[in-house]
């Protein structure tokens, strides 16, 4: 099944705002939440973590005008991991 999602719109209300930031924080803390995980992968690395949160916060605060990945992406059978507070976060970049 193929559908579209808006990156950053975690609650699927059609807007990217502070409500989505709050929900992404909750999702990182509790990966069992039933939220739009495809929209939560802001930077497109298939891992939902604090890097996604930082990018979403910067967007909502007007500190950036776009995300690292496409705003609308087709989703089908995407395997996305969530890094929770109980797991180590990779600290190396590139």
Protein backbone atom coordinates (compact mmCIF):
# COMPACT_ATOMS: atom_id res chain seq x y z
CA UNK A 1 0.00 0.00 0.00
CA UNK A 2 1.48 3.34 -1.08
CA UNK A 3 0.51 6.64 0.53
CA UNK A 4 1.94 10.10 1.18
CA UNK A 5 2.97 11.77 4.39
CA UNK A 6 4.13 15.29 5.20
CA UNK A 7 7.49 15.24 6.93
CA UNK A 8 7.26 16.98 10.31
CA UNK A 9 3.47 16.74 10.59
CA UNK A 10 3.56 14.14 13.37
CA UNK A 11 -0.11 14.51 14.35
CA UNK A 12 -1.41 14.58 10.74
CA UNK A 13 -3.36 17.83 11.15
CA UNK A 14 -1.92 19.40 8.00
CA UNK A 15 0.35 21.84 9.86
CA UNK A 16 3.91 21.66 11.16
CA UNK A 17 3.96 23.43 14.52
CA UNK A 18 4.87 23.17 18.20
CA UNK A 19 2.31 20.39 18.72
CA UNK A 20 4.40 18.23 16.41
CA UNK A 21 7.56 19.10 18.38
CA UNK A 22 5.91 17.96 21.61
CA UNK A 23 4.72 14.72 20.03
CA UNK A 24 8.14 13.98 18.57
CA UNK A 25 9.68 14.42 22.03
CA UNK A 26 7.13 11.98 23.43
CA UNK A 27 7.81 9.53 20.60
CA UNK A 28 11.56 9.57 21.30
CA UNK A 29 10.88 8.90 24.98
CA UNK A 30 8.24 6.22 24.33
CA UNK A 31 8.62 4.47 20.97
CA UNK A 32 5.42 2.48 21.58
CA UNK A 33 3.23 5.54 20.94
CA UNK A 34 0.87 5.22 18.02
CA UNK A 35 2.00 8.23 16.01
CA UNK A 36 2.98 8.85 12.41
CA UNK A 37 6.53 7.52 12.57
CA UNK A 38 7.13 8.08 8.85
CA UNK A 39 6.56 11.82 9.32
CA UNK A 40 8.85 11.84 12.36
CA UNK A 41 11.98 10.89 10.39
CA UNK A 42 12.80 14.53 9.63
CA UNK A 43 16.33 14.03 8.31
CA UNK A 44 15.56 10.91 6.31
CA UNK A 45 18.10 8.56 7.93
CA UNK A 46 15.43 5.99 8.93
CA UNK A 47 16.16 6.59 12.63
CA UNK A 48 13.94 8.75 14.82
CA UNK A 49 16.17 10.49 17.35
CA UNK A 50 17.19 13.85 18.78
CA UNK A 51 18.64 14.93 15.42
CA UNK A 52 15.12 14.84 14.00
CA UNK A 53 13.84 16.75 17.01
CA UNK A 54 16.50 19.43 16.63
CA UNK A 55 15.70 19.91 12.95
CA UNK A 56 11.94 20.09 13.62
CA UNK A 57 12.45 22.62 16.44
CA UNK A 58 14.63 24.79 14.19
CA UNK A 59 11.96 24.70 11.48
CA UNK A 60 9.12 25.62 13.85
CA UNK A 61 11.19 28.47 15.35
CA UNK A 62 11.95 29.83 11.87
CA UNK A 63 15.67 29.09 12.13
CA UNK A 64 15.54 26.99 8.97
CA UNK A 65 13.22 27.00 5.97
CA UNK A 66 13.43 23.33 4.94
CA UNK A 67 14.26 19.85 6.14
CA UNK A 68 17.14 17.60 5.12
CA UNK A 69 14.71 15.28 3.32
CA UNK A 70 11.79 15.83 0.96
CA UNK A 71 8.75 17.41 2.62
CA UNK A 72 6.35 14.89 1.08
CA UNK A 73 7.51 11.33 0.63
CA UNK A 74 5.85 8.20 -0.60
CA UNK A 75 5.68 5.56 2.06
CA UNK A 76 4.98 1.90 1.69
CA UNK A 77 6.98 -0.59 3.70
CA UNK A 78 9.53 1.70 5.33
CA UNK A 79 11.57 0.29 8.19
CA UNK A 80 12.25 3.18 10.58
CA UNK A 81 14.07 2.76 13.89
CA UNK A 82 13.46 4.89 16.95
CA UNK A 83 16.28 5.72 19.32
CA UNK A 84 14.93 5.97 22.84
CA UNK A 85 16.53 7.40 25.94
CA UNK A 86 17.53 3.90 27.06
CA UNK A 87 19.67 3.29 23.97
CA UNK A 88 23.03 4.86 23.10
CA UNK A 89 22.94 7.51 20.41
CA UNK A 90 25.57 7.43 17.72
CA UNK A 91 27.76 10.48 18.07
CA UNK A 92 29.82 10.28 14.91
CA UNK A 93 28.81 12.23 11.85
CA UNK A 94 29.95 11.05 8.42
